[in-house]
Amino acid sequence: MPRASYAAASNFPAKNIQFIIPYAPGGGFDVYVRFVAPVMEKYLPKKVNIVPINIASGAGNRGVAQLYRARPDGYTIGILNVPGMFILQQQQGAAAYDLNKFTWIGAMGEGERYFVSVGAKSPIKTFADLKALSAQRPVKLSVTGPEGTAYVATLIGAQLLGIRKQLITGYKGSADYVVAAVRGDSDAVIAAIPTTMRYVRGGTVRPIASFESRSSVPGIPDATSLGQPDLDKISVERLIAAPPGVPADVQAVLSTALAKALADPIVVKWAKENDLIMKPKTPQEAAATLAEQRAFFDKWKSVLGAS
């Protein structure tokens, strides 16, 4: 390693670290970072602060581009939405960054899978009921706009499950489109499991199918029993990255601190309370996750483009 690079790594971190969140405050990515970052500080070799910075513009593009252009010294890291970034690139064409060139730090947990759910008062009681309805008419599915990962999950999930669909769009976030199913604006909703479980505990939503290979809710069909293993590949991944070219020693410091934070009892308790799986990933595993998600997304480009 060049002497200057070694000196920087051996002294790292010597100042606060910026943590870019490419979305507005209050969303899922923001919540993850603001909870985990203070715990991550404990496991850095020197006492500095990790400062979350929201850069909410361009559906995430501006923040990711700023991360990409930052100095490769480890003092700027960020959280990336995969496959959200693929969706943006497909919709907007050439991007100001190359996802394959980021320095990967890890990931904030396992990817979130999805449930198919209905309102608690819905006459649809089982997944078989939903399929029967689909044979009669298109099933109304509430969802965000095409820039959202739930939109992609809904399109691909409905296709794999053989559900004729009518998308009810225009909802701003996960709370809005799940509540739409509760109100009866839609017949069903395909939403991430942690989001869905908040409403399940409140008694307003009932899951009827899981995209997991083995359902975490007993008694409902899953990807395995439905004969559609690709359902388990539909997920929201929260990958943590630094700019291209960060020295390996600095990358290791950040990756180790993140992994230890995710295993910290404070984060483990929080994850359990929120139905999250905060299993750490190495930089190599994060890069592999990106490649796997890219391959899966590319496989469905024609369906997504036709929507």
C-alpha atoms as a PDB file:
ATOM      1  CA  MET A   1       0.000   0.000   0.000  1.00  0.00           C
ATOM      2  CA  PRO A   2       1.384   3.490  -0.855  1.00  0.00           C
ATOM      3  CA  ARG A   3       2.711   5.373   2.150  1.00  0.00           C
ATOM      4  CA  ALA A   4       0.104   8.183   1.953  1.00  0.00           C
ATOM      5  CA  SER A   5      -2.716   5.677   1.778  1.00  0.00           C
ATOM      6  CA  TYR A   6      -1.320   3.729   4.744  1.00  0.00           C
ATOM      7  CA  ALA A   7      -0.995   6.898   6.810  1.00  0.00           C
ATOM      8  CA  ALA A   8      -4.610   7.822   6.089  1.00  0.00           C
ATOM      9  CA  ALA A   9      -5.840   4.330   6.994  1.00  0.00           C
ATOM     10  CA  SER A  10      -3.825   4.078  10.205  1.00  0.00           C
ATOM     11  CA  ASN A  11      -5.225   7.408  11.436  1.00  0.00           C
ATOM     12  CA  PHE A  12      -8.811   6.676  10.415  1.00  0.00           C
ATOM     13  CA  PRO A  13     -11.173   8.093  11.482  1.00  0.00           C
ATOM     14  CA  ALA A  14      -9.783  11.452  12.538  1.00  0.00           C
ATOM     15  CA  LYS A  15     -12.999  13.440  12.005  1.00  0.00           C
ATOM     16  CA  ASN A  16     -16.754  12.996  11.697  1.00  0.00           C
ATOM     17  CA  ILE A  17     -18.168  10.736   8.994  1.00  0.00           C
ATOM     18  CA  GLN A  18     -21.065  11.845   6.804  1.00  0.00           C
ATOM     19  CA  PHE A  19     -23.754   9.217   6.142  1.00  0.00           C
ATOM     20  CA  ILE A  20     -25.783  10.142   3.046  1.00  0.00           C
ATOM     21  CA  ILE A  21     -29.433   9.135   2.979  1.00  0.00           C
ATOM     22  CA  PRO A  22     -30.743   9.813  -0.550  1.00  0.00           C
ATOM     23  CA  TYR A  23     -34.325  10.267   0.655  1.00  0.00           C
ATOM     24  CA  ALA A  24     -36.362  12.616   2.829  1.00  0.00           C
ATOM     25  CA  PRO A  25     -36.444  12.261   6.635  1.00  0.00           C
ATOM     26  CA  GLY A  26     -38.928   9.816   8.114  1.00  0.00           C
ATOM     27  CA  GLY A  27     -38.812   7.039   5.529  1.00  0.00           C
ATOM     28  CA  GLY A  28     -37.526   3.518   6.049  1.00  0.00           C
ATOM     29  CA  PHE A  29     -33.978   4.201   4.854  1.00  0.00           C
ATOM     30  CA  ASP A  30     -33.764   7.280   7.078  1.00  0.00           C
ATOM     31  CA  VAL A  31     -34.997   5.343  10.120  1.00  0.00           C
ATOM     32  CA  TYR A  32     -32.452   2.562   9.585  1.00  0.00           C
ATOM     33  CA  VAL A  33     -29.506   4.949   9.361  1.00  0.00           C
ATOM     34  CA  ARG A  34     -30.522   7.159  12.267  1.00  0.00           C
ATOM     35  CA  PHE A  35     -30.949   4.160  14.557  1.00  0.00           C
ATOM     36  CA  VAL A  36     -27.838   2.208  13.550  1.00  0.00           C
ATOM     37  CA  ALA A  37     -25.335   5.070  13.043  1.00  0.00           C
ATOM     38  CA  PRO A  38     -25.014   6.006  16.753  1.00  0.00           C
ATOM     39  CA  VAL A  39     -24.406   2.351  17.607  1.00  0.00           C
ATOM     40  CA  MET A  40     -21.858   2.046  14.809  1.00  0.00           C
ATOM     41  CA  GLU A  41     -19.912   4.960  16.337  1.00  0.00           C
ATOM     42  CA  LYS A  42     -19.141   2.776  19.369  1.00  0.00           C
ATOM     43  CA  TYR A  43     -17.176   0.330  17.242  1.00  0.00           C
ATOM     44  CA  LEU A  44     -14.944   2.783  15.396  1.00  0.00           C
ATOM     45  CA  PRO A  45     -11.327   2.765  16.631  1.00  0.00           C
ATOM     46  CA  LYS A  46     -11.506   6.488  17.418  1.00  0.00           C
ATOM     47  CA  LYS A  47     -14.384   8.484  18.866  1.00  0.00           C
ATOM     48  CA  VAL A  48     -16.034  10.474  16.098  1.00  0.00           C
ATOM     49  CA  ASN A  49     -19.637  11.116  15.140  1.00  0.00           C
ATOM     50  CA  ILE A  50     -21.473   9.611  12.186  1.00  0.00           C
ATOM     51  CA  VAL A  51     -23.689  12.395  10.871  1.00  0.00           C
ATOM     52  CA  PRO A  52     -26.777  11.448   8.797  1.00  0.00           C
ATOM     53  CA  ILE A  53     -27.444  13.823   5.896  1.00  0.00           C
ATOM     54  CA  ASN A  54     -30.662  13.658   3.876  1.00  0.00           C
ATOM     55  CA  ILE A  55     -30.293  14.541   0.202  1.00  0.00           C
ATOM     56  CA  ALA A  56     -33.830  14.106  -1.087  1.00  0.00           C
ATOM     57  CA  SER A  57     -33.982  14.896  -4.770  1.00  0.00           C
ATOM     58  CA  GLY A  58     -34.413  12.971  -7.992  1.00  0.00           C
ATOM     59  CA  ALA A  59     -35.940   9.948  -6.249  1.00  0.00           C
ATOM     60  CA  GLY A  60     -32.528   9.145  -4.767  1.00  0.00           C
ATOM     61  CA  ASN A  61     -30.331   9.964  -7.763  1.00  0.00           C
ATOM     62  CA  ARG A  62     -28.853  13.183  -6.400  1.00  0.00           C
ATOM     63  CA  GLY A  63     -27.708  11.662  -3.109  1.00  0.00           C
ATOM     64  CA  VAL A  64     -26.186   8.607  -4.775  1.00  0.00           C
ATOM     65  CA  ALA A  65     -24.395  10.795  -7.328  1.00  0.00           C
ATOM     66  CA  GLN A  66     -22.996  12.967  -4.517  1.00  0.00           C
ATOM     67  CA  LEU A  67     -21.744   9.866  -2.714  1.00  0.00           C
ATOM     68  CA  TYR A  68     -20.116   8.644  -5.917  1.00  0.00           C
ATOM     69  CA  ARG A  69     -18.240  11.947  -6.405  1.00  0.00           C
ATOM     70  CA  ALA A  70     -17.095  12.311  -2.782  1.00  0.00           C
ATOM     71  CA  ARG A  71     -13.433  12.010  -1.823  1.00  0.00           C
ATOM     72  CA  PRO A  72     -12.460   8.332  -1.414  1.00  0.00           C
ATOM     73  CA  ASP A  73     -11.175   8.807   2.128  1.00  0.00           C
ATOM     74  CA  GLY A  74     -13.905   6.983   4.097  1.00  0.00           C
ATOM     75  CA  TYR A  75     -15.443  10.161   5.503  1.00  0.00           C
ATOM     76  CA  THR A  76     -18.516   9.886   3.288  1.00  0.00           C
ATOM     77  CA  ILE A  77     -20.654   6.750   3.177  1.00  0.00           C
ATOM     78  CA  GLY A  78     -24.250   6.188   2.124  1.00  0.00           C
ATOM     79  CA  ILE A  79     -27.180   3.819   1.951  1.00  0.00           C
ATOM     80  CA  LEU A  80     -28.403   2.594  -1.431  1.00  0.00           C
ATOM     81  CA  ASN A  81     -31.795   1.207  -2.366  1.00  0.00           C
ATOM     82  CA  VAL A  82     -31.515  -1.929  -4.488  1.00  0.00           C
ATOM     83  CA  PRO A  83     -33.395  -2.543  -6.755  1.00  0.00           C
ATOM     84  CA  GLY A  84     -34.569   1.093  -6.491  1.00  0.00           C
ATOM     85  CA  MET A  85     -31.397   2.308  -8.171  1.00  0.00           C
ATOM     86  CA  PHE A  86     -31.962  -0.088 -11.090  1.00  0.00           C
ATOM     87  CA  ILE A  87     -35.481   1.282 -11.521  1.00  0.00           C
ATOM     88  CA  LEU A  88     -34.166   4.850 -11.686  1.00  0.00           C
ATOM     89  CA  GLN A  89     -31.533   3.930 -14.248  1.00  0.00           C
ATOM     90  CA  GLN A  90     -34.108   2.194 -16.409  1.00  0.00           C
ATOM     91  CA  GLN A  91     -36.501   5.149 -16.227  1.00  0.00           C
ATOM     92  CA  GLN A  92     -33.969   7.960 -16.558  1.00  0.00           C
ATOM     93  CA  GLY A  93     -31.305   6.444 -18.786  1.00  0.00           C
ATOM     94  CA  ALA A  94     -27.640   7.264 -18.175  1.00  0.00           C
ATOM     95  CA  ALA A  95     -26.789   7.950 -14.537  1.00  0.00           C
ATOM     96  CA  ALA A  96     -23.999  10.028 -13.005  1.00  0.00           C
ATOM     97  CA  TYR A  97     -22.608   6.961 -11.240  1.00  0.00           C
ATOM     98  CA  ASP A  98     -21.671   3.341 -11.868  1.00  0.00           C
ATOM     99  CA  LEU A  99     -23.071   1.068  -9.167  1.00  0.00           C
ATOM    100  CA  ASN A 100     -20.386  -1.531  -9.878  1.00  0.00           C
ATOM    101  CA  LYS A 101     -17.593   0.881  -8.923  1.00  0.00           C
ATOM    102  CA  PHE A 102     -18.676   1.809  -5.395  1.00  0.00           C
ATOM    103  CA  THR A 103     -16.581   0.627  -2.456  1.00  0.00           C
ATOM    104  CA  TRP A 104     -18.943  -1.682  -0.597  1.00  0.00           C
ATOM    105  CA  ILE A 105     -19.107  -1.564   3.195  1.00  0.00           C
ATOM    106  CA  GLY A 106     -21.890  -4.095   3.798  1.00  0.00           C
ATOM    107  CA  ALA A 107     -25.655  -3.971   4.203  1.00  0.00           C
ATOM    108  CA  MET A 108     -28.176  -3.077   6.863  1.00  0.00           C
ATOM    109  CA  GLY A 109     -29.659  -6.489   7.313  1.00  0.00           C
ATOM    110  CA  GLU A 110     -31.243  -9.052   5.052  1.00  0.00           C
ATOM    111  CA  GLY A 111     -33.433  -7.873   2.224  1.00  0.00           C
ATOM    112  CA  GLU A 112     -37.076  -7.346   3.121  1.00  0.00           C
ATOM    113  CA  ARG A 113     -39.441  -9.816   1.451  1.00  0.00           C
ATOM    114  CA  TYR A 114     -43.123  -9.255   0.735  1.00  0.00           C
ATOM    115  CA  PHE A 115     -46.572 -10.388   1.818  1.00  0.00           C
ATOM    116  CA  VAL A 116     -49.782 -10.385  -0.164  1.00  0.00           C
ATOM    117  CA  SER A 117     -52.388  -9.022   2.260  1.00  0.00           C
ATOM    118  CA  VAL A 118     -55.996  -7.945   2.476  1.00  0.00           C
ATOM    119  CA  GLY A 119     -57.922  -5.764   4.870  1.00  0.00           C
ATOM    120  CA  ALA A 120     -59.054  -7.532   8.033  1.00  0.00           C
ATOM    121  CA  LYS A 121     -62.712  -7.095   7.013  1.00  0.00           C
ATOM    122  CA  SER A 122     -62.193  -8.220   3.425  1.00  0.00           C
ATOM    123  CA  PRO A 123     -64.379 -11.064   2.122  1.00  0.00           C
ATOM    124  CA  ILE A 124     -61.160 -12.518   0.675  1.00  0.00           C
ATOM    125  CA  LYS A 125     -60.022 -14.966   3.347  1.00  0.00           C
ATOM    126  CA  THR A 126     -57.329 -16.991   1.584  1.00  0.00           C
ATOM    127  CA  PHE A 127     -54.964 -16.823  -1.356  1.00  0.00           C
ATOM    128  CA  ALA A 128     -57.229 -19.308  -3.115  1.00  0.00           C
ATOM    129  CA  ASP A 129     -60.041 -16.747  -2.796  1.00  0.00           C
ATOM    130  CA  LEU A 130     -57.813 -14.132  -4.437  1.00  0.00           C
ATOM    131  CA  LYS A 131     -57.018 -16.472  -7.310  1.00  0.00           C
ATOM    132  CA  ALA A 132     -60.705 -17.210  -7.742  1.00  0.00           C
ATOM    133  CA  LEU A 133     -61.436 -13.473  -7.911  1.00  0.00           C
ATOM    134  CA  SER A 134     -58.673 -13.067 -10.516  1.00  0.00           C
ATOM    135  CA  ALA A 135     -60.441 -15.649 -12.685  1.00  0.00           C
ATOM    136  CA  GLN A 136     -63.524 -13.424 -12.669  1.00  0.00           C
ATOM    137  CA  ARG A 137     -61.954  -9.972 -13.051  1.00  0.00           C
ATOM    138  CA  PRO A 138     -58.631  -8.159 -12.585  1.00  0.00           C
ATOM    139  CA  VAL A 139     -57.672  -7.881  -8.922  1.00  0.00           C
ATOM    140  CA  LYS A 140     -57.274  -4.296  -7.703  1.00  0.00           C
ATOM    141  CA  LEU A 141     -53.834  -3.862  -6.122  1.00  0.00           C
ATOM    142  CA  SER A 142     -52.918  -0.589  -4.414  1.00  0.00           C
ATOM    143  CA  VAL A 143     -49.318   0.494  -4.910  1.00  0.00           C
ATOM    144  CA  THR A 144     -46.954   3.457  -5.112  1.00  0.00           C
ATOM    145  CA  GLY A 145     -45.851   4.982  -8.395  1.00  0.00           C
ATOM    146  CA  PRO A 146     -43.444   3.262 -10.817  1.00  0.00           C
ATOM    147  CA  GLU A 147     -40.391   4.720  -9.060  1.00  0.00           C
ATOM    148  CA  GLY A 148     -41.059   2.585  -5.965  1.00  0.00           C
ATOM    149  CA  THR A 149     -39.711  -0.862  -5.195  1.00  0.00           C
ATOM    150  CA  ALA A 150     -43.186  -1.990  -4.104  1.00  0.00           C
ATOM    151  CA  TYR A 151     -44.408  -1.218  -7.616  1.00  0.00           C
ATOM    152  CA  VAL A 152     -41.808  -3.605  -9.040  1.00  0.00           C
ATOM    153  CA  ALA A 153     -42.643  -6.243  -6.419  1.00  0.00           C
ATOM    154  CA  THR A 154     -46.323  -5.956  -7.310  1.00  0.00           C
ATOM    155  CA  LEU A 155     -45.754  -6.308 -11.055  1.00  0.00           C
ATOM    156  CA  ILE A 156     -43.374  -9.253 -10.793  1.00  0.00           C
ATOM    157  CA  GLY A 157     -45.279 -10.915  -7.952  1.00  0.00           C
ATOM    158  CA  ALA A 158     -48.618 -10.754  -9.751  1.00  0.00           C
ATOM    159  CA  GLN A 159     -47.016 -12.179 -12.890  1.00  0.00           C
ATOM    160  CA  LEU A 160     -45.425 -15.098 -11.040  1.00  0.00           C
ATOM    161  CA  LEU A 161     -48.614 -15.829  -9.120  1.00  0.00           C
ATOM    162  CA  GLY A 162     -50.815 -15.670 -12.217  1.00  0.00           C
ATOM    163  CA  ILE A 163     -52.984 -12.873 -10.842  1.00  0.00           C
ATOM    164  CA  ARG A 164     -54.727 -10.614 -13.315  1.00  0.00           C
ATOM    165  CA  LYS A 165     -54.221  -7.113 -11.945  1.00  0.00           C
ATOM    166  CA  GLN A 166     -55.480  -3.568 -12.010  1.00  0.00           C
ATOM    167  CA  LEU A 167     -52.998  -1.246 -10.327  1.00  0.00           C
ATOM    168  CA  ILE A 168     -54.425   1.496  -8.137  1.00  0.00           C
ATOM    169  CA  THR A 169     -51.544   3.990  -8.044  1.00  0.00           C
ATOM    170  CA  GLY A 170     -50.825   7.502  -6.793  1.00  0.00           C
ATOM    171  CA  TYR A 171     -50.163   6.691  -3.150  1.00  0.00           C
ATOM    172  CA  LYS A 172     -47.184   8.533  -1.694  1.00  0.00           C
ATOM    173  CA  GLY A 173     -45.773   5.858   0.586  1.00  0.00           C
ATOM    174  CA  SER A 174     -46.181   2.449   2.150  1.00  0.00           C
ATOM    175  CA  ALA A 175     -48.593   3.685   4.823  1.00  0.00           C
ATOM    176  CA  ASP A 176     -50.944   5.142   2.213  1.00  0.00           C
ATOM    177  CA  TYR A 177     -51.145   2.170  -0.098  1.00  0.00           C
ATOM    178  CA  VAL A 178     -51.540  -0.379   2.719  1.00  0.00           C
ATOM    179  CA  VAL A 179     -54.292   1.718   4.297  1.00  0.00           C
ATOM    180  CA  ALA A 180     -55.964   1.778   0.875  1.00  0.00           C
ATOM    181  CA  ALA A 181     -56.441  -1.988   1.164  1.00  0.00           C
ATOM    182  CA  VAL A 182     -57.792  -1.554   4.693  1.00  0.00           C
ATOM    183  CA  ARG A 183     -60.339   0.991   3.419  1.00  0.00           C
ATOM    184  CA  GLY A 184     -61.343  -1.269   0.555  1.00  0.00           C
ATOM    185  CA  ASP A 185     -59.992   0.960  -2.214  1.00  0.00           C
ATOM    186  CA  SER A 186     -58.163  -2.136  -3.434  1.00  0.00           C
ATOM    187  CA  ASP A 187     -58.753  -5.856  -3.118  1.00  0.00           C
ATOM    188  CA  ALA A 188     -55.242  -6.576  -1.857  1.00  0.00           C
ATOM    189  CA  VAL A 189     -51.780  -5.117  -1.415  1.00  0.00           C
ATOM    190  CA  ILE A 190     -48.249  -6.442  -1.881  1.00  0.00           C
ATOM    191  CA  ALA A 191     -46.054  -4.761   0.737  1.00  0.00           C
ATOM    192  CA  ALA A 192     -42.772  -5.421   2.537  1.00  0.00           C
ATOM    193  CA  ILE A 193     -43.103  -7.684   5.564  1.00  0.00           C
ATOM    194  CA  PRO A 194     -41.999  -5.173   8.264  1.00  0.00           C
ATOM    195  CA  THR A 195     -44.495  -2.616   6.921  1.00  0.00           C
ATOM    196  CA  THR A 196     -47.263  -5.210   6.740  1.00  0.00           C
ATOM    197  CA  MET A 197     -46.629  -6.506  10.244  1.00  0.00           C
ATOM    198  CA  ARG A 198     -47.303  -3.091  11.784  1.00  0.00           C
ATOM    199  CA  TYR A 199     -50.857  -3.339  10.480  1.00  0.00           C
ATOM    200  CA  VAL A 200     -51.158  -7.024  11.328  1.00  0.00           C
ATOM    201  CA  ARG A 201     -50.392  -6.206  14.974  1.00  0.00           C
ATOM    202  CA  GLY A 202     -52.973  -3.441  14.805  1.00  0.00           C
ATOM    203  CA  GLY A 203     -55.580  -5.918  13.591  1.00  0.00           C
ATOM    204  CA  THR A 204     -56.328  -4.091  10.332  1.00  0.00           C
ATOM    205  CA  VAL A 205     -54.518  -6.297   7.795  1.00  0.00           C
ATOM    206  CA  ARG A 206     -54.358 -10.047   7.201  1.00  0.00           C
ATOM    207  CA  PRO A 207     -51.542 -11.650   5.136  1.00  0.00           C
ATOM    208  CA  ILE A 208     -52.708 -14.407   2.798  1.00  0.00           C
ATOM    209  CA  ALA A 209     -49.446 -15.314   1.022  1.00  0.00           C
ATOM    210  CA  SER A 210     -45.717 -14.835   1.543  1.00  0.00           C
ATOM    211  CA  PHE A 211     -42.895 -14.305  -0.945  1.00  0.00           C
ATOM    212  CA  GLU A 212     -40.481 -15.946   1.524  1.00  0.00           C
ATOM    213  CA  SER A 213     -39.146 -19.405   0.745  1.00  0.00           C
ATOM    214  CA  ARG A 214     -40.607 -20.410   4.117  1.00  0.00           C
ATOM    215  CA  SER A 215     -43.344 -18.180   5.475  1.00  0.00           C
ATOM    216  CA  SER A 216     -42.686 -16.424   8.759  1.00  0.00           C
ATOM    217  CA  VAL A 217     -46.446 -16.460   9.350  1.00  0.00           C
ATOM    218  CA  PRO A 218     -47.732 -20.009   9.883  1.00  0.00           C
ATOM    219  CA  GLY A 219     -50.615 -21.227   7.795  1.00  0.00           C
ATOM    220  CA  ILE A 220     -50.201 -19.123   4.649  1.00  0.00           C
ATOM    221  CA  PRO A 221     -48.674 -20.317   1.360  1.00  0.00           C
ATOM    222  CA  ASP A 222     -45.118 -19.245   0.547  1.00  0.00           C
ATOM    223  CA  ALA A 223     -42.797 -19.239  -2.463  1.00  0.00           C
ATOM    224  CA  THR A 224     -42.020 -22.926  -1.972  1.00  0.00           C
ATOM    225  CA  SER A 225     -45.563 -24.211  -1.575  1.00  0.00           C
ATOM    226  CA  LEU A 226     -46.756 -21.984  -4.408  1.00  0.00           C
ATOM    227  CA  GLY A 227     -44.107 -23.443  -6.680  1.00  0.00           C
ATOM    228  CA  GLN A 228     -42.589 -20.040  -7.421  1.00  0.00           C
ATOM    229  CA  PRO A 229     -39.125 -19.882  -5.806  1.00  0.00           C
ATOM    230  CA  ASP A 230     -38.342 -16.633  -7.639  1.00  0.00           C
ATOM    231  CA  LEU A 231     -40.773 -14.838  -5.324  1.00  0.00           C
ATOM    232  CA  ASP A 232     -38.087 -15.052  -2.628  1.00  0.00           C
ATOM    233  CA  LYS A 233     -35.724 -13.069  -4.877  1.00  0.00           C
ATOM    234  CA  ILE A 234     -38.023 -10.041  -4.760  1.00  0.00           C
ATOM    235  CA  SER A 235     -36.651  -7.931  -1.959  1.00  0.00           C
ATOM    236  CA  VAL A 236     -35.556  -4.480  -0.822  1.00  0.00           C
ATOM    237  CA  GLU A 237     -31.825  -4.423  -0.107  1.00  0.00           C
ATOM    238  CA  ARG A 238     -30.202  -1.609   1.900  1.00  0.00           C
ATOM    239  CA  LEU A 239     -26.581  -1.690   0.793  1.00  0.00           C
ATOM    240  CA  ILE A 240     -23.957   0.536   2.430  1.00  0.00           C
ATOM    241  CA  ALA A 241     -21.294   2.015   0.178  1.00  0.00           C
ATOM    242  CA  ALA A 242     -18.440   4.498   0.019  1.00  0.00           C
ATOM    243  CA  PRO A 243     -17.072   6.240  -3.076  1.00  0.00           C
ATOM    244  CA  PRO A 244     -14.942   4.294  -5.542  1.00  0.00           C
ATOM    245  CA  GLY A 245     -11.292   3.962  -4.558  1.00  0.00           C
ATOM    246  CA  VAL A 246     -11.498   3.938  -0.747  1.00  0.00           C
ATOM    247  CA  PRO A 247      -8.371   2.184   0.671  1.00  0.00           C
ATOM    248  CA  ALA A 248      -8.944  -1.404   1.762  1.00  0.00           C
ATOM    249  CA  ASP A 249      -7.882  -0.691   5.358  1.00  0.00           C
ATOM    250  CA  VAL A 250     -10.412   2.136   5.673  1.00  0.00           C
ATOM    251  CA  GLN A 251     -13.074  -0.054   4.076  1.00  0.00           C
ATOM    252  CA  ALA A 252     -12.294  -2.742   6.667  1.00  0.00           C
ATOM    253  CA  VAL A 253     -12.657  -0.302   9.583  1.00  0.00           C
ATOM    254  CA  LEU A 254     -16.077   0.818   8.359  1.00  0.00           C
ATOM    255  CA  SER A 255     -17.262  -2.696   7.501  1.00  0.00           C
ATOM    256  CA  THR A 256     -16.220  -4.068  10.898  1.00  0.00           C
ATOM    257  CA  ALA A 257     -17.954  -1.227  12.758  1.00  0.00           C
ATOM    258  CA  LEU A 258     -21.160  -1.777  10.777  1.00  0.00           C
ATOM    259  CA  ALA A 259     -21.140  -5.545  11.356  1.00  0.00           C
ATOM    260  CA  LYS A 260     -20.581  -5.104  15.101  1.00  0.00           C
ATOM    261  CA  ALA A 261     -23.346  -2.495  15.289  1.00  0.00           C
ATOM    262  CA  LEU A 262     -25.849  -4.877  13.676  1.00  0.00           C
ATOM    263  CA  ALA A 263     -24.931  -7.531  16.252  1.00  0.00           C
ATOM    264  CA  ASP A 264     -25.191  -5.091  19.163  1.00  0.00           C
ATOM    265  CA  PRO A 265     -27.998  -5.968  21.642  1.00  0.00           C
ATOM    266  CA  ILE A 266     -29.597  -2.549  21.141  1.00  0.00           C
ATOM    267  CA  VAL A 267     -29.967  -3.118  17.381  1.00  0.00           C
ATOM    268  CA  VAL A 268     -30.929  -6.779  17.815  1.00  0.00           C
ATOM    269  CA  LYS A 269     -33.777  -5.771  20.151  1.00  0.00           C
ATOM    270  CA  TRP A 270     -34.947  -3.019  17.811  1.00  0.00           C
ATOM    271  CA  ALA A 271     -34.857  -5.372  14.827  1.00  0.00           C
ATOM    272  CA  LYS A 272     -36.934  -7.990  16.638  1.00  0.00           C
ATOM    273  CA  GLU A 273     -39.527  -5.399  17.618  1.00  0.00           C
ATOM    274  CA  ASN A 274     -39.801  -4.289  13.984  1.00  0.00           C
ATOM    275  CA  ASP A 275     -39.708  -7.697  12.258  1.00  0.00           C
ATOM    276  CA  LEU A 276     -36.311  -7.011  10.705  1.00  0.00           C
ATOM    277  CA  ILE A 277     -33.426  -9.414  10.102  1.00  0.00           C
ATOM    278  CA  MET A 278     -30.303  -7.365  10.780  1.00  0.00           C
ATOM    279  CA  LYS A 279     -27.781  -9.978   9.689  1.00  0.00           C
ATOM    280  CA  PRO A 280     -24.551  -8.227   8.608  1.00  0.00           C
ATOM    281  CA  LYS A 281     -22.975  -8.700   5.187  1.00  0.00           C
ATOM    282  CA  THR A 282     -19.341  -8.459   4.235  1.00  0.00           C
ATOM    283  CA  PRO A 283     -18.299  -6.105   1.427  1.00  0.00           C
ATOM    284  CA  GLN A 284     -17.989  -9.149  -0.818  1.00  0.00           C
ATOM    285  CA  GLU A 285     -21.503 -10.302   0.084  1.00  0.00           C
ATOM    286  CA  ALA A 286     -22.867  -6.808  -0.564  1.00  0.00           C
ATOM    287  CA  ALA A 287     -21.260  -6.820  -4.025  1.00  0.00           C
ATOM    288  CA  ALA A 288     -22.704 -10.289  -4.677  1.00  0.00           C
ATOM    289  CA  THR A 289     -26.158  -9.096  -3.594  1.00  0.00           C
ATOM    290  CA  LEU A 290     -25.929  -6.221  -6.075  1.00  0.00           C
ATOM    291  CA  ALA A 291     -24.969  -8.633  -8.868  1.00  0.00           C
ATOM    292  CA  GLU A 292     -27.759 -11.076  -7.993  1.00  0.00           C
ATOM    293  CA  GLN A 293     -30.378  -8.341  -7.834  1.00  0.00           C
ATOM    294  CA  ARG A 294     -29.152  -6.882 -11.128  1.00  0.00           C
ATOM    295  CA  ALA A 295     -29.446 -10.261 -12.851  1.00  0.00           C
ATOM    296  CA  PHE A 296     -32.955 -10.777 -11.458  1.00  0.00           C
ATOM    297  CA  PHE A 297     -34.058  -7.246 -12.367  1.00  0.00           C
ATOM    298  CA  ASP A 298     -32.699  -7.548 -15.912  1.00  0.00           C
ATOM    299  CA  LYS A 299     -34.654 -10.774 -16.347  1.00  0.00           C
ATOM    300  CA  TRP A 300     -37.896  -8.838 -15.753  1.00  0.00           C
ATOM    301  CA  LYS A 301     -37.094  -5.654 -17.670  1.00  0.00           C
ATOM    302  CA  SER A 302     -39.567  -6.392 -20.455  1.00  0.00           C
ATOM    303  CA  VAL A 303     -42.440  -6.880 -17.983  1.00  0.00           C
ATOM    304  CA  LEU A 304     -41.543  -3.717 -16.081  1.00  0.00           C
ATOM    305  CA  GLY A 305     -41.133  -1.714 -19.274  1.00  0.00           C
ATOM    306  CA  ALA A 306     -44.511  -2.866 -20.544  1.00  0.00           C
ATOM    307  CA  SER A 307     -46.267  -1.670 -17.390  1.00  0.00           C
END
